[in-house]
Amino acid sequence: MTRSSRMDIPLRELRGVTVLAHLNAENRHDIAATLATFRPGFERTEMPGDDVADGRAAVADSYRELFTAFPDMHFDIAPDSFGHQGNRVIFETVVRGTHRGPFRGLPPTGRRLNLPIVTVFEFDGADLICERVYFDRLTLFVQLGVGREPNSVPGRMATLLSHPVTGLRVAMRARRRRSPG
């Protein structure tokens, strides 16, 4: 182990403690405690589709919406689900919950969520400044009952109806492959 990597151990441990405090606060749905893990003035949460909550009030609102939509939301936290890379802590897990309130304009479906996610926590020194959450939106929508698996019959029908030109091209290619000569 080099001298510089030994010096990084306390910082890595401190970042790990911060991320655990953040995740445990989210699991308790404690918005104030979740926000307290960020360096004041640098609270930022990003999700797929350019959905960005920038600043304390916006981040609090995003958590409030999430905890209202999924009142039993919970992250699985395992010690081996963390990785450190530069100024980031990467966390891979599954989030579980039941859709009981409005979420991103979608009324409650009552469906269960079991969604794999990766969260990247960005640090400036020991201070958490940003949380980026990555997940497959199609999986989310399929689990909530508002999306269709593309290879299922309903998914293929939805694709055909919403993209008739693409559907027609696929059908023509399939027909050419089956026809002799």
N, C-alpha and C. Protein backbone atom coordinates (compact mmCIF):
# COMPACT_ATOMS: atom_id res chain seq x y z
N MET A 1 0.85 -1.17 0.00
CA MET A 1 0.00 0.00 0.00
C MET A 1 0.90 1.23 0.00
N THR A 2 0.61 2.20 -0.88
CA THR A 2 1.41 3.40 -0.95
C THR A 2 1.03 4.37 0.16
N ARG A 3 1.92 5.33 0.40
CA ARG A 3 1.65 6.32 1.45
C ARG A 3 0.36 7.09 1.16
N SER A 4 0.13 7.48 -0.09
CA SER A 4 -1.07 8.27 -0.41
C SER A 4 -2.34 7.44 -0.24
N SER A 5 -2.32 6.14 -0.57
CA SER A 5 -3.53 5.34 -0.42
C SER A 5 -3.86 5.13 1.05
N ARG A 6 -2.82 5.06 1.95
CA ARG A 6 -3.07 4.95 3.39
C ARG A 6 -3.72 6.22 3.90
N MET A 7 -3.31 7.35 3.34
CA MET A 7 -3.89 8.63 3.77
C MET A 7 -5.35 8.73 3.36
N ASP A 8 -5.73 8.04 2.29
CA ASP A 8 -7.11 8.10 1.80
C ASP A 8 -8.07 7.24 2.62
N ILE A 9 -7.56 6.31 3.39
CA ILE A 9 -8.44 5.40 4.13
C ILE A 9 -9.40 6.15 5.05
N PRO A 10 -8.95 7.09 5.88
CA PRO A 10 -9.92 7.79 6.73
C PRO A 10 -10.97 8.55 5.93
N LEU A 11 -10.60 9.16 4.81
CA LEU A 11 -11.57 9.88 3.98
C LEU A 11 -12.58 8.91 3.39
N ARG A 12 -12.11 7.76 2.91
CA ARG A 12 -13.04 6.75 2.37
C ARG A 12 -14.01 6.28 3.45
N GLU A 13 -13.49 6.04 4.64
CA GLU A 13 -14.36 5.61 5.74
C GLU A 13 -15.38 6.68 6.09
N LEU A 14 -14.94 7.93 6.12
CA LEU A 14 -15.85 9.04 6.42
C LEU A 14 -16.94 9.15 5.36
N ARG A 15 -16.55 9.00 4.10
CA ARG A 15 -17.54 9.03 3.02
C ARG A 15 -18.52 7.87 3.16
N GLY A 16 -18.01 6.69 3.51
CA GLY A 16 -18.89 5.54 3.71
C GLY A 16 -19.89 5.78 4.84
N VAL A 17 -19.43 6.38 5.92
CA VAL A 17 -20.32 6.71 7.04
C VAL A 17 -21.40 7.69 6.59
N THR A 18 -21.01 8.68 5.80
CA THR A 18 -21.97 9.67 5.29
C THR A 18 -23.02 9.01 4.41
N VAL A 19 -22.58 8.14 3.50
CA VAL A 19 -23.53 7.46 2.61
C VAL A 19 -24.47 6.57 3.41
N LEU A 20 -23.96 5.84 4.40
CA LEU A 20 -24.83 5.01 5.24
C LEU A 20 -25.84 5.86 6.00
N ALA A 21 -25.40 6.99 6.53
CA ALA A 21 -26.33 7.89 7.23
C ALA A 21 -27.40 8.39 6.27
N HIS A 22 -26.99 8.71 5.05
CA HIS A 22 -27.93 9.19 4.03
C HIS A 22 -28.98 8.11 3.70
N LEU A 23 -28.50 6.91 3.43
CA LEU A 23 -29.41 5.82 3.06
C LEU A 23 -30.33 5.43 4.22
N ASN A 24 -29.79 5.39 5.43
CA ASN A 24 -30.63 5.07 6.58
C ASN A 24 -31.69 6.14 6.81
N ALA A 25 -31.33 7.41 6.59
CA ALA A 25 -32.32 8.49 6.71
C ALA A 25 -33.40 8.34 5.64
N GLU A 26 -33.01 7.98 4.42
CA GLU A 26 -34.01 7.74 3.38
C GLU A 26 -34.90 6.57 3.75
N ASN A 27 -34.33 5.51 4.29
CA ASN A 27 -35.14 4.36 4.69
C ASN A 27 -36.13 4.72 5.80
N ARG A 28 -35.78 5.70 6.63
CA ARG A 28 -36.70 6.17 7.67
C ARG A 28 -37.65 7.24 7.14
N HIS A 29 -37.43 7.67 5.90
CA HIS A 29 -38.20 8.75 5.27
C HIS A 29 -38.04 10.06 6.04
N ASP A 30 -36.87 10.27 6.57
CA ASP A 30 -36.54 11.45 7.36
C ASP A 30 -35.85 12.46 6.45
N ILE A 31 -36.62 13.39 5.92
CA ILE A 31 -36.09 14.35 4.94
C ILE A 31 -35.02 15.24 5.57
N ALA A 32 -35.26 15.73 6.78
CA ALA A 32 -34.28 16.61 7.42
C ALA A 32 -32.94 15.89 7.62
N ALA A 33 -32.99 14.65 8.08
CA ALA A 33 -31.75 13.89 8.29
C ALA A 33 -31.07 13.57 6.96
N THR A 34 -31.86 13.31 5.93
CA THR A 34 -31.29 13.05 4.60
C THR A 34 -30.57 14.29 4.10
N LEU A 35 -31.23 15.44 4.21
CA LEU A 35 -30.61 16.70 3.76
C LEU A 35 -29.37 17.04 4.57
N ALA A 36 -29.35 16.65 5.84
CA ALA A 36 -28.21 16.96 6.71
C ALA A 36 -26.94 16.24 6.27
N THR A 37 -27.06 15.22 5.43
CA THR A 37 -25.87 14.52 4.96
C THR A 37 -25.17 15.28 3.83
N PHE A 38 -25.86 16.23 3.21
CA PHE A 38 -25.26 17.04 2.15
C PHE A 38 -24.53 18.24 2.76
N ARG A 39 -23.52 18.74 2.05
CA ARG A 39 -22.92 20.01 2.43
C ARG A 39 -23.95 21.09 2.11
N PRO A 40 -24.27 21.96 3.06
CA PRO A 40 -25.27 23.00 2.81
C PRO A 40 -24.91 23.83 1.58
N GLY A 41 -25.92 24.07 0.76
CA GLY A 41 -25.73 24.85 -0.46
C GLY A 41 -25.35 24.01 -1.67
N PHE A 42 -25.10 22.72 -1.47
CA PHE A 42 -24.69 21.87 -2.58
C PHE A 42 -25.57 20.64 -2.73
N GLU A 43 -26.79 20.71 -2.23
CA GLU A 43 -27.70 19.58 -2.34
C GLU A 43 -28.15 19.44 -3.78
N ARG A 44 -27.98 18.25 -4.33
CA ARG A 44 -28.38 18.01 -5.72
C ARG A 44 -28.68 16.53 -5.90
N THR A 45 -29.82 16.26 -6.52
CA THR A 45 -30.19 14.89 -6.84
C THR A 45 -30.54 14.86 -8.32
N GLU A 46 -30.01 13.87 -9.02
CA GLU A 46 -30.27 13.70 -10.44
C GLU A 46 -30.80 12.30 -10.69
N MET A 47 -31.80 12.22 -11.58
CA MET A 47 -32.36 10.93 -11.96
C MET A 47 -32.43 10.85 -13.47
N PRO A 48 -32.71 9.67 -14.01
CA PRO A 48 -32.78 9.54 -15.48
C PRO A 48 -33.76 10.54 -16.10
N GLY A 49 -33.48 10.93 -17.31
CA GLY A 49 -34.37 11.82 -18.03
C GLY A 49 -34.16 13.28 -17.69
N ASP A 50 -32.96 13.63 -17.25
CA ASP A 50 -32.63 15.02 -16.92
C ASP A 50 -33.51 15.57 -15.81
N ASP A 51 -33.96 14.75 -14.91
CA ASP A 51 -34.75 15.18 -13.77
C ASP A 51 -33.77 15.56 -12.66
N VAL A 52 -33.61 16.86 -12.44
CA VAL A 52 -32.62 17.36 -11.50
C VAL A 52 -33.31 18.18 -10.41
N ALA A 53 -33.00 17.87 -9.17
CA ALA A 53 -33.42 18.70 -8.04
C ALA A 53 -32.16 19.38 -7.53
N ASP A 54 -32.09 20.69 -7.68
CA ASP A 54 -30.89 21.44 -7.34
C ASP A 54 -31.21 22.42 -6.23
N GLY A 55 -30.56 22.26 -5.10
CA GLY A 55 -30.80 23.13 -3.95
C GLY A 55 -31.65 22.44 -2.90
N ARG A 56 -31.55 22.93 -1.68
CA ARG A 56 -32.19 22.30 -0.52
C ARG A 56 -33.70 22.11 -0.70
N ALA A 57 -34.41 23.14 -1.13
CA ALA A 57 -35.87 23.05 -1.25
C ALA A 57 -36.27 22.06 -2.34
N ALA A 58 -35.59 22.08 -3.47
CA ALA A 58 -35.93 21.18 -4.58
C ALA A 58 -35.64 19.73 -4.21
N VAL A 59 -34.51 19.50 -3.52
CA VAL A 59 -34.16 18.14 -3.11
C VAL A 59 -35.18 17.65 -2.08
N ALA A 60 -35.55 18.51 -1.13
CA ALA A 60 -36.57 18.13 -0.13
C ALA A 60 -37.88 17.78 -0.82
N ASP A 61 -38.28 18.57 -1.81
CA ASP A 61 -39.52 18.28 -2.54
C ASP A 61 -39.44 16.94 -3.27
N SER A 62 -38.27 16.63 -3.85
CA SER A 62 -38.15 15.36 -4.57
C SER A 62 -38.27 14.18 -3.62
N TYR A 63 -37.66 14.29 -2.44
CA TYR A 63 -37.81 13.22 -1.44
C TYR A 63 -39.25 13.13 -0.94
N ARG A 64 -39.87 14.27 -0.72
CA ARG A 64 -41.26 14.28 -0.24
C ARG A 64 -42.17 13.55 -1.24
N GLU A 65 -42.00 13.85 -2.52
CA GLU A 65 -42.80 13.18 -3.55
C GLU A 65 -42.53 11.67 -3.55
N LEU A 66 -41.27 11.30 -3.45
CA LEU A 66 -40.90 9.88 -3.46
C LEU A 66 -41.49 9.15 -2.26
N PHE A 67 -41.38 9.74 -1.07
CA PHE A 67 -41.87 9.09 0.15
C PHE A 67 -43.40 9.07 0.20
N THR A 68 -44.05 10.03 -0.45
CA THR A 68 -45.52 10.02 -0.54
C THR A 68 -45.97 8.96 -1.53
N ALA A 69 -45.27 8.87 -2.66
CA ALA A 69 -45.63 7.89 -3.69
C ALA A 69 -45.39 6.46 -3.22
N PHE A 70 -44.33 6.26 -2.46
CA PHE A 70 -43.95 4.92 -1.99
C PHE A 70 -43.75 4.98 -0.46
N PRO A 71 -44.84 5.00 0.29
CA PRO A 71 -44.72 5.19 1.75
C PRO A 71 -43.99 4.06 2.47
N ASP A 72 -43.84 2.92 1.84
CA ASP A 72 -43.09 1.80 2.44
C ASP A 72 -41.75 1.57 1.74
N MET A 73 -41.29 2.57 0.99
CA MET A 73 -40.05 2.47 0.23
C MET A 73 -38.89 2.13 1.16
N HIS A 74 -38.03 1.23 0.67
CA HIS A 74 -36.89 0.79 1.48
C HIS A 74 -35.78 0.30 0.55
N PHE A 75 -34.55 0.73 0.85
CA PHE A 75 -33.37 0.25 0.13
C PHE A 75 -32.75 -0.90 0.89
N ASP A 76 -32.34 -1.93 0.18
CA ASP A 76 -31.53 -2.98 0.79
C ASP A 76 -30.12 -2.43 0.90
N ILE A 77 -29.52 -2.55 2.08
CA ILE A 77 -28.16 -2.06 2.28
C ILE A 77 -27.29 -3.23 2.72
N ALA A 78 -26.33 -3.58 1.86
CA ALA A 78 -25.39 -4.66 2.16
C ALA A 78 -23.98 -4.08 2.12
N PRO A 79 -23.11 -4.52 3.03
CA PRO A 79 -21.75 -3.97 3.08
C PRO A 79 -20.98 -4.10 1.76
N ASP A 80 -21.23 -5.15 1.00
CA ASP A 80 -20.49 -5.34 -0.25
C ASP A 80 -21.13 -4.62 -1.44
N SER A 81 -22.11 -3.76 -1.18
CA SER A 81 -22.79 -3.06 -2.28
C SER A 81 -22.20 -1.68 -2.54
N PHE A 82 -21.08 -1.35 -1.88
CA PHE A 82 -20.44 -0.05 -2.03
C PHE A 82 -19.12 -0.18 -2.77
N GLY A 83 -18.83 0.82 -3.58
CA GLY A 83 -17.54 0.90 -4.24
C GLY A 83 -17.06 2.34 -4.21
N HIS A 84 -15.76 2.53 -4.15
CA HIS A 84 -15.18 3.87 -4.10
C HIS A 84 -14.38 4.08 -5.38
N GLN A 85 -14.59 5.22 -6.01
CA GLN A 85 -13.85 5.57 -7.22
C GLN A 85 -13.63 7.08 -7.22
N GLY A 86 -12.40 7.49 -7.02
CA GLY A 86 -12.10 8.92 -7.01
C GLY A 86 -12.90 9.63 -5.94
N ASN A 87 -13.65 10.64 -6.34
CA ASN A 87 -14.46 11.41 -5.39
C ASN A 87 -15.90 10.89 -5.31
N ARG A 88 -16.10 9.64 -5.67
CA ARG A 88 -17.45 9.08 -5.69
C ARG A 88 -17.54 7.80 -4.86
N VAL A 89 -18.73 7.61 -4.27
CA VAL A 89 -19.08 6.34 -3.66
C VAL A 89 -20.23 5.80 -4.49
N ILE A 90 -20.09 4.59 -4.99
CA ILE A 90 -21.08 3.97 -5.87
C ILE A 90 -21.80 2.89 -5.07
N PHE A 91 -23.10 2.93 -5.14
CA PHE A 91 -23.93 2.04 -4.33
C PHE A 91 -24.91 1.33 -5.24
N GLU A 92 -24.90 0.00 -5.21
CA GLU A 92 -25.81 -0.81 -6.02
C GLU A 92 -26.76 -1.53 -5.07
N THR A 93 -28.05 -1.46 -5.39
CA THR A 93 -29.04 -2.06 -4.49
C THR A 93 -30.34 -2.33 -5.22
N VAL A 94 -31.34 -2.68 -4.44
CA VAL A 94 -32.71 -2.82 -4.92
C VAL A 94 -33.57 -1.96 -4.02
N VAL A 95 -34.46 -1.19 -4.62
CA VAL A 95 -35.41 -0.40 -3.85
C VAL A 95 -36.76 -1.10 -3.97
N ARG A 96 -37.43 -1.22 -2.84
CA ARG A 96 -38.73 -1.89 -2.81
C ARG A 96 -39.77 -0.94 -2.23
N GLY A 97 -40.99 -1.08 -2.66
CA GLY A 97 -42.07 -0.26 -2.13
C GLY A 97 -43.35 -0.51 -2.89
N THR A 98 -44.41 0.12 -2.41
CA THR A 98 -45.73 0.01 -3.03
C THR A 98 -46.17 1.39 -3.48
N HIS A 99 -46.62 1.50 -4.71
CA HIS A 99 -47.02 2.79 -5.29
C HIS A 99 -48.40 3.18 -4.74
N ARG A 100 -48.41 4.01 -3.70
CA ARG A 100 -49.64 4.40 -3.01
C ARG A 100 -49.99 5.87 -3.17
N GLY A 101 -49.14 6.66 -3.80
CA GLY A 101 -49.40 8.09 -3.99
C GLY A 101 -48.93 8.52 -5.36
N PRO A 102 -49.27 9.74 -5.77
CA PRO A 102 -48.87 10.21 -7.10
C PRO A 102 -47.35 10.26 -7.24
N PHE A 103 -46.87 9.89 -8.41
CA PHE A 103 -45.44 9.90 -8.70
C PHE A 103 -45.22 10.38 -10.12
N ARG A 104 -44.57 11.53 -10.25
CA ARG A 104 -44.26 12.12 -11.56
C ARG A 104 -45.50 12.22 -12.44
N GLY A 105 -46.62 12.58 -11.83
CA GLY A 105 -47.87 12.74 -12.55
C GLY A 105 -48.68 11.47 -12.71
N LEU A 106 -48.13 10.34 -12.28
CA LEU A 106 -48.82 9.06 -12.39
C LEU A 106 -49.62 8.80 -11.12
N PRO A 107 -50.93 8.60 -11.24
CA PRO A 107 -51.72 8.31 -10.03
C PRO A 107 -51.32 6.96 -9.46
N PRO A 108 -51.59 6.72 -8.17
CA PRO A 108 -51.19 5.47 -7.53
C PRO A 108 -51.76 4.26 -8.25
N THR A 109 -50.92 3.25 -8.40
CA THR A 109 -51.35 2.01 -9.05
C THR A 109 -51.54 0.87 -8.06
N GLY A 110 -50.99 1.04 -6.84
CA GLY A 110 -51.05 -0.04 -5.86
C GLY A 110 -50.09 -1.18 -6.16
N ARG A 111 -49.28 -1.03 -7.18
CA ARG A 111 -48.35 -2.09 -7.59
C ARG A 111 -47.07 -2.04 -6.78
N ARG A 112 -46.45 -3.21 -6.62
CA ARG A 112 -45.18 -3.34 -5.89
C ARG A 112 -44.01 -3.01 -6.80
N LEU A 113 -43.02 -2.38 -6.22
CA LEU A 113 -41.80 -2.02 -6.91
C LEU A 113 -40.66 -2.84 -6.33
N ASN A 114 -39.85 -3.40 -7.21
CA ASN A 114 -38.66 -4.18 -6.83
C ASN A 114 -37.62 -3.82 -7.88
N LEU A 115 -37.03 -2.63 -7.74
CA LEU A 115 -36.28 -2.00 -8.81
C LEU A 115 -34.78 -1.94 -8.50
N PRO A 116 -33.96 -2.59 -9.33
CA PRO A 116 -32.51 -2.46 -9.17
C PRO A 116 -32.09 -1.03 -9.51
N ILE A 117 -31.22 -0.47 -8.69
CA ILE A 117 -30.71 0.89 -8.94
C ILE A 117 -29.22 0.94 -8.63
N VAL A 118 -28.59 1.95 -9.19
CA VAL A 118 -27.22 2.30 -8.84
C VAL A 118 -27.25 3.79 -8.50
N THR A 119 -26.68 4.11 -7.36
CA THR A 119 -26.60 5.50 -6.94
C THR A 119 -25.13 5.88 -6.83
N VAL A 120 -24.82 7.05 -7.40
CA VAL A 120 -23.47 7.59 -7.32
C VAL A 120 -23.52 8.81 -6.42
N PHE A 121 -22.79 8.75 -5.33
CA PHE A 121 -22.70 9.86 -4.39
C PHE A 121 -21.39 10.59 -4.69
N GLU A 122 -21.49 11.88 -5.02
CA GLU A 122 -20.31 12.66 -5.36
C GLU A 122 -19.89 13.52 -4.16
N PHE A 123 -18.60 13.52 -3.89
CA PHE A 123 -18.06 14.22 -2.74
C PHE A 123 -17.07 15.29 -3.16
N ASP A 124 -16.97 16.32 -2.34
CA ASP A 124 -15.89 17.29 -2.39
C ASP A 124 -15.17 17.13 -1.07
N GLY A 125 -14.04 16.43 -1.09
CA GLY A 125 -13.39 16.07 0.17
C GLY A 125 -14.29 15.11 0.94
N ALA A 126 -14.65 15.51 2.15
CA ALA A 126 -15.53 14.68 2.97
C ALA A 126 -17.00 15.08 2.84
N ASP A 127 -17.28 16.10 2.02
CA ASP A 127 -18.65 16.65 1.93
C ASP A 127 -19.42 16.07 0.75
N LEU A 128 -20.60 15.54 1.04
CA LEU A 128 -21.50 15.05 -0.01
C LEU A 128 -22.13 16.24 -0.70
N ILE A 129 -22.00 16.28 -2.03
CA ILE A 129 -22.55 17.41 -2.78
C ILE A 129 -23.62 17.00 -3.79
N CYS A 130 -23.64 15.73 -4.18
CA CYS A 130 -24.59 15.32 -5.22
C CYS A 130 -24.87 13.83 -5.12
N GLU A 131 -26.11 13.48 -5.39
CA GLU A 131 -26.54 12.08 -5.47
C GLU A 131 -27.16 11.89 -6.86
N ARG A 132 -26.64 10.93 -7.61
CA ARG A 132 -27.21 10.61 -8.92
C ARG A 132 -27.74 9.18 -8.87
N VAL A 133 -28.99 9.02 -9.25
CA VAL A 133 -29.64 7.71 -9.19
C VAL A 133 -29.88 7.22 -10.62
N TYR A 134 -29.45 5.99 -10.90
CA TYR A 134 -29.62 5.39 -12.22
C TYR A 134 -30.48 4.14 -12.10
N PHE A 135 -31.48 4.05 -12.96
CA PHE A 135 -32.33 2.87 -13.01
C PHE A 135 -32.96 2.78 -14.39
N ASP A 136 -33.51 1.64 -14.69
CA ASP A 136 -34.16 1.41 -15.97
C ASP A 136 -35.61 1.87 -15.87
N ARG A 137 -35.92 2.93 -16.59
CA ARG A 137 -37.29 3.47 -16.54
C ARG A 137 -38.31 2.47 -17.05
N LEU A 138 -37.97 1.70 -18.08
CA LEU A 138 -38.92 0.72 -18.59
C LEU A 138 -39.28 -0.28 -17.50
N THR A 139 -38.28 -0.76 -16.77
CA THR A 139 -38.55 -1.69 -15.67
C THR A 139 -39.47 -1.05 -14.65
N LEU A 140 -39.22 0.21 -14.31
CA LEU A 140 -40.08 0.93 -13.37
C LEU A 140 -41.52 0.97 -13.89
N PHE A 141 -41.71 1.36 -15.14
CA PHE A 141 -43.06 1.49 -15.69
C PHE A 141 -43.75 0.14 -15.85
N VAL A 142 -43.00 -0.88 -16.22
CA VAL A 142 -43.60 -2.22 -16.31
C VAL A 142 -44.06 -2.67 -14.93
N GLN A 143 -43.21 -2.47 -13.91
CA GLN A 143 -43.60 -2.88 -12.56
C GLN A 143 -44.80 -2.09 -12.03
N LEU A 144 -44.92 -0.83 -12.44
CA LEU A 144 -46.06 -0.03 -12.00
C LEU A 144 -47.31 -0.28 -12.86
N GLY A 145 -47.17 -1.10 -13.90
CA GLY A 145 -48.31 -1.49 -14.71
C GLY A 145 -48.69 -0.50 -15.79
N VAL A 146 -47.80 0.45 -16.09
CA VAL A 146 -48.12 1.44 -17.12
C VAL A 146 -47.21 1.30 -18.34
N GLY A 147 -46.32 0.35 -18.32
CA GLY A 147 -45.45 0.08 -19.45
C GLY A 147 -45.58 -1.38 -19.84
N ARG A 148 -45.12 -1.70 -21.01
CA ARG A 148 -45.19 -3.08 -21.49
C ARG A 148 -43.80 -3.57 -21.84
N GLU A 149 -43.54 -4.81 -21.50
CA GLU A 149 -42.29 -5.45 -21.90
C GLU A 149 -42.29 -5.53 -23.42
N PRO A 150 -41.24 -5.01 -24.09
CA PRO A 150 -41.26 -4.94 -25.56
C PRO A 150 -41.48 -6.28 -26.26
N ASN A 151 -41.00 -7.38 -25.69
CA ASN A 151 -41.14 -8.67 -26.36
C ASN A 151 -42.42 -9.42 -26.02
N SER A 152 -43.24 -8.85 -25.14
CA SER A 152 -44.52 -9.48 -24.82
C SER A 152 -45.52 -9.15 -25.93
N VAL A 153 -46.60 -9.91 -26.01
CA VAL A 153 -47.63 -9.63 -27.03
C VAL A 153 -48.20 -8.22 -26.84
N PRO A 154 -48.59 -7.82 -25.61
CA PRO A 154 -49.08 -6.45 -25.46
C PRO A 154 -48.00 -5.41 -25.83
N GLY A 155 -46.74 -5.70 -25.50
CA GLY A 155 -45.66 -4.78 -25.84
C GLY A 155 -45.48 -4.64 -27.34
N ARG A 156 -45.57 -5.75 -28.04
CA ARG A 156 -45.45 -5.71 -29.51
C ARG A 156 -46.62 -4.97 -30.14
N MET A 157 -47.80 -5.18 -29.59
CA MET A 157 -48.99 -4.47 -30.11
C MET A 157 -48.85 -2.97 -29.87
N ALA A 158 -48.39 -2.60 -28.66
CA ALA A 158 -48.22 -1.18 -28.35
C ALA A 158 -47.19 -0.55 -29.27
N THR A 159 -46.10 -1.27 -29.56
CA THR A 159 -45.08 -0.76 -30.47
C THR A 159 -45.65 -0.60 -31.87
N LEU A 160 -46.40 -1.59 -32.32
CA LEU A 160 -47.00 -1.53 -33.65
C LEU A 160 -47.94 -0.33 -33.76
N LEU A 161 -48.77 -0.12 -32.74
CA LEU A 161 -49.73 0.98 -32.78
C LEU A 161 -49.07 2.34 -32.64
N SER A 162 -48.02 2.43 -31.84
CA SER A 162 -47.39 3.73 -31.63
C SER A 162 -46.29 4.02 -32.64
N HIS A 163 -45.81 3.00 -33.31
CA HIS A 163 -44.76 3.16 -34.32
C HIS A 163 -45.10 2.33 -35.55
N PRO A 164 -46.15 2.70 -36.29
CA PRO A 164 -46.59 1.85 -37.41
C PRO A 164 -45.55 1.70 -38.51
N VAL A 165 -44.74 2.70 -38.78
CA VAL A 165 -43.74 2.60 -39.84
C VAL A 165 -42.69 1.57 -39.43
N THR A 166 -42.22 1.63 -38.20
CA THR A 166 -41.24 0.66 -37.71
C THR A 166 -41.85 -0.74 -37.72
N GLY A 167 -43.08 -0.86 -37.27
CA GLY A 167 -43.76 -2.15 -37.28
C GLY A 167 -43.89 -2.71 -38.68
N LEU A 168 -44.22 -1.87 -39.63
CA LEU A 168 -44.35 -2.29 -41.02
C LEU A 168 -43.00 -2.77 -41.57
N ARG A 169 -41.92 -2.06 -41.26
CA ARG A 169 -40.59 -2.47 -41.72
C ARG A 169 -40.21 -3.83 -41.15
N VAL A 170 -40.47 -4.04 -39.87
CA VAL A 170 -40.15 -5.32 -39.23
C VAL A 170 -40.94 -6.43 -39.89
N ALA A 171 -42.23 -6.20 -40.13
CA ALA A 171 -43.08 -7.21 -40.77
C ALA A 171 -42.58 -7.53 -42.17
N MET A 172 -42.17 -6.51 -42.93
CA MET A 172 -41.68 -6.74 -44.30
C MET A 172 -40.37 -7.53 -44.27
N ARG A 173 -39.46 -7.22 -43.34
CA ARG A 173 -38.21 -7.98 -43.24
C ARG A 173 -38.49 -9.44 -42.88
N ALA A 174 -39.39 -9.66 -41.96
CA ALA A 174 -39.74 -11.03 -41.57
C ALA A 174 -40.35 -11.77 -42.75
N ARG A 175 -41.17 -11.11 -43.52
CA ARG A 175 -41.80 -11.75 -44.67
C ARG A 175 -40.75 -12.12 -45.72
N ARG A 176 -39.79 -11.21 -45.97
CA ARG A 176 -38.73 -11.48 -46.93
C ARG A 176 -37.89 -12.68 -46.53
N ARG A 177 -37.62 -12.79 -45.24
CA ARG A 177 -36.83 -13.93 -44.75
C ARG A 177 -37.55 -15.25 -44.94
N ARG A 178 -38.87 -15.23 -44.84
CA ARG A 178 -39.66 -16.47 -44.98
C ARG A 178 -39.93 -16.84 -46.42
N SER A 179 -39.95 -15.86 -47.31
CA SER A 179 -40.30 -16.17 -48.70
C SER A 179 -39.10 -16.77 -49.44
N PRO A 180 -39.37 -17.76 -50.32
CA PRO A 180 -38.29 -18.40 -51.08
C PRO A 180 -37.73 -17.43 -52.13
N GLY A 181 -36.43 -17.55 -52.37
CA GLY A 181 -35.78 -16.83 -53.46
C GLY A 181 -35.43 -15.51 -53.11
